[in-house]
Amino acid sequence: MAERVAWARLMRLGMVQLGLAPERFWALTPAELFLLAGLDDGSAQGMTRGALEALEARFPDRPNGERSDG
């Protein structure tokens, strides 16, 4: 069963407690919002080069064989 997002609580956190304008709030990622609110636990790790290369191989920006002449 999918978890429901507590939008009212998140909006209150961002726009009331943090004083963010609505445009700024909706432009944030969840990670950015949690960081601004001090709710991150500090355990998040950045993506490694190997993980990035595996992701790029799995989801290429261009279809097979298509090249950019830029």
C-alpha atoms as a PDB file:
ATOM      1  CA  MET A   1       0.000   0.000   0.000  1.00  0.00           C
ATOM      2  CA  ALA A   2       1.420   3.381  -0.989  1.00  0.00           C
ATOM      3  CA  GLU A   3       2.085   5.921   1.723  1.00  0.00           C
ATOM      4  CA  ARG A   4       0.190   9.185   1.522  1.00  0.00           C
ATOM      5  CA  VAL A   5       2.109  12.439   1.470  1.00  0.00           C
ATOM      6  CA  ALA A   6       1.234  14.826   4.287  1.00  0.00           C
ATOM      7  CA  TRP A   7       1.044  17.862   1.984  1.00  0.00           C
ATOM      8  CA  ALA A   8      -0.515  20.190   4.554  1.00  0.00           C
ATOM      9  CA  ARG A   9       2.282  19.467   7.026  1.00  0.00           C
ATOM     10  CA  LEU A  10       4.989  19.867   4.387  1.00  0.00           C
ATOM     11  CA  MET A  11       3.474  23.117   3.120  1.00  0.00           C
ATOM     12  CA  ARG A  12       3.191  24.455   6.683  1.00  0.00           C
ATOM     13  CA  LEU A  13       6.812  23.526   7.304  1.00  0.00           C
ATOM     14  CA  GLY A  14       8.069  25.195   4.140  1.00  0.00           C
ATOM     15  CA  MET A  15       5.870  28.238   3.788  1.00  0.00           C
ATOM     16  CA  VAL A  16       4.992  29.053   7.400  1.00  0.00           C
ATOM     17  CA  GLN A  17       7.907  27.825   9.493  1.00  0.00           C
ATOM     18  CA  LEU A  18      10.668  28.429   6.948  1.00  0.00           C
ATOM     19  CA  GLY A  19       8.994  31.439   5.320  1.00  0.00           C
ATOM     20  CA  LEU A  20       9.463  30.183   1.759  1.00  0.00           C
ATOM     21  CA  ALA A  21       7.442  31.733  -1.051  1.00  0.00           C
ATOM     22  CA  PRO A  22       5.152  29.143  -2.701  1.00  0.00           C
ATOM     23  CA  GLU A  23       7.224  29.179  -5.914  1.00  0.00           C
ATOM     24  CA  ARG A  24      10.378  28.428  -3.954  1.00  0.00           C
ATOM     25  CA  PHE A  25       8.691  25.715  -1.891  1.00  0.00           C
ATOM     26  CA  TRP A  26       7.404  23.866  -4.972  1.00  0.00           C
ATOM     27  CA  ALA A  27      10.812  24.168  -6.681  1.00  0.00           C
ATOM     28  CA  LEU A  28      12.573  22.307  -3.848  1.00  0.00           C
ATOM     29  CA  THR A  29      13.274  18.607  -3.818  1.00  0.00           C
ATOM     30  CA  PRO A  30      12.224  16.723  -0.664  1.00  0.00           C
ATOM     31  CA  ALA A  31      15.900  16.386   0.272  1.00  0.00           C
ATOM     32  CA  GLU A  32      16.415  20.153  -0.008  1.00  0.00           C
ATOM     33  CA  LEU A  33      13.326  20.847   2.118  1.00  0.00           C
ATOM     34  CA  PHE A  34      14.471  18.432   4.815  1.00  0.00           C
ATOM     35  CA  LEU A  35      17.960  19.959   4.782  1.00  0.00           C
ATOM     36  CA  LEU A  36      16.584  23.495   5.141  1.00  0.00           C
ATOM     37  CA  ALA A  37      14.343  22.348   7.999  1.00  0.00           C
ATOM     38  CA  GLY A  38      17.202  20.551   9.763  1.00  0.00           C
ATOM     39  CA  LEU A  39      15.440  17.210   9.409  1.00  0.00           C
ATOM     40  CA  ASP A  40      18.182  15.407   7.484  1.00  0.00           C
ATOM     41  CA  ASP A  41      19.982  12.830   9.564  1.00  0.00           C
ATOM     42  CA  GLY A  42      23.358  13.441   7.945  1.00  0.00           C
ATOM     43  CA  SER A  43      23.588   9.860   6.703  1.00  0.00           C
ATOM     44  CA  ALA A  44      22.864  10.560   3.045  1.00  0.00           C
ATOM     45  CA  GLN A  45      25.752   9.642   0.784  1.00  0.00           C
ATOM     46  CA  GLY A  46      26.499  11.129  -2.605  1.00  0.00           C
ATOM     47  CA  MET A  47      26.381   9.015  -5.736  1.00  0.00           C
ATOM     48  CA  THR A  48      29.643   7.300  -6.610  1.00  0.00           C
ATOM     49  CA  ARG A  49      31.209   7.536 -10.067  1.00  0.00           C
ATOM     50  CA  GLY A  50      30.460   3.843 -10.638  1.00  0.00           C
ATOM     51  CA  ALA A  51      26.804   4.264  -9.698  1.00  0.00           C
ATOM     52  CA  LEU A  52      26.513   7.263 -12.036  1.00  0.00           C
ATOM     53  CA  GLU A  53      28.069   5.319 -14.927  1.00  0.00           C
ATOM     54  CA  ALA A  54      25.708   2.385 -14.314  1.00  0.00           C
ATOM     55  CA  LEU A  55      22.737   4.771 -14.304  1.00  0.00           C
ATOM     56  CA  GLU A  56      23.939   6.434 -17.518  1.00  0.00           C
ATOM     57  CA  ALA A  57      24.322   3.028 -19.179  1.00  0.00           C
ATOM     58  CA  ARG A  58      20.844   1.976 -18.100  1.00  0.00           C
ATOM     59  CA  PHE A  59      19.164   5.253 -19.092  1.00  0.00           C
ATOM     60  CA  PRO A  60      21.167   6.875 -21.910  1.00  0.00           C
ATOM     61  CA  ASP A  61      20.366  10.467 -22.861  1.00  0.00           C
ATOM     62  CA  ARG A  62      20.232   9.530 -26.526  1.00  0.00           C
ATOM     63  CA  PRO A  63      18.805   6.479 -28.263  1.00  0.00           C
ATOM     64  CA  ASN A  64      21.287   3.854 -29.459  1.00  0.00           C
ATOM     65  CA  GLY A  65      23.686   5.219 -32.015  1.00  0.00           C
ATOM     66  CA  GLU A  66      22.342   8.775 -32.018  1.00  0.00           C
ATOM     67  CA  ARG A  67      25.140  11.304 -31.824  1.00  0.00           C
ATOM     68  CA  SER A  68      25.300  14.938 -30.910  1.00  0.00           C
ATOM     69  CA  ASP A  69      27.102  17.158 -33.408  1.00  0.00           C
ATOM     70  CA  GLY A  70      27.275  20.104 -31.007  1.00  0.00           C
END
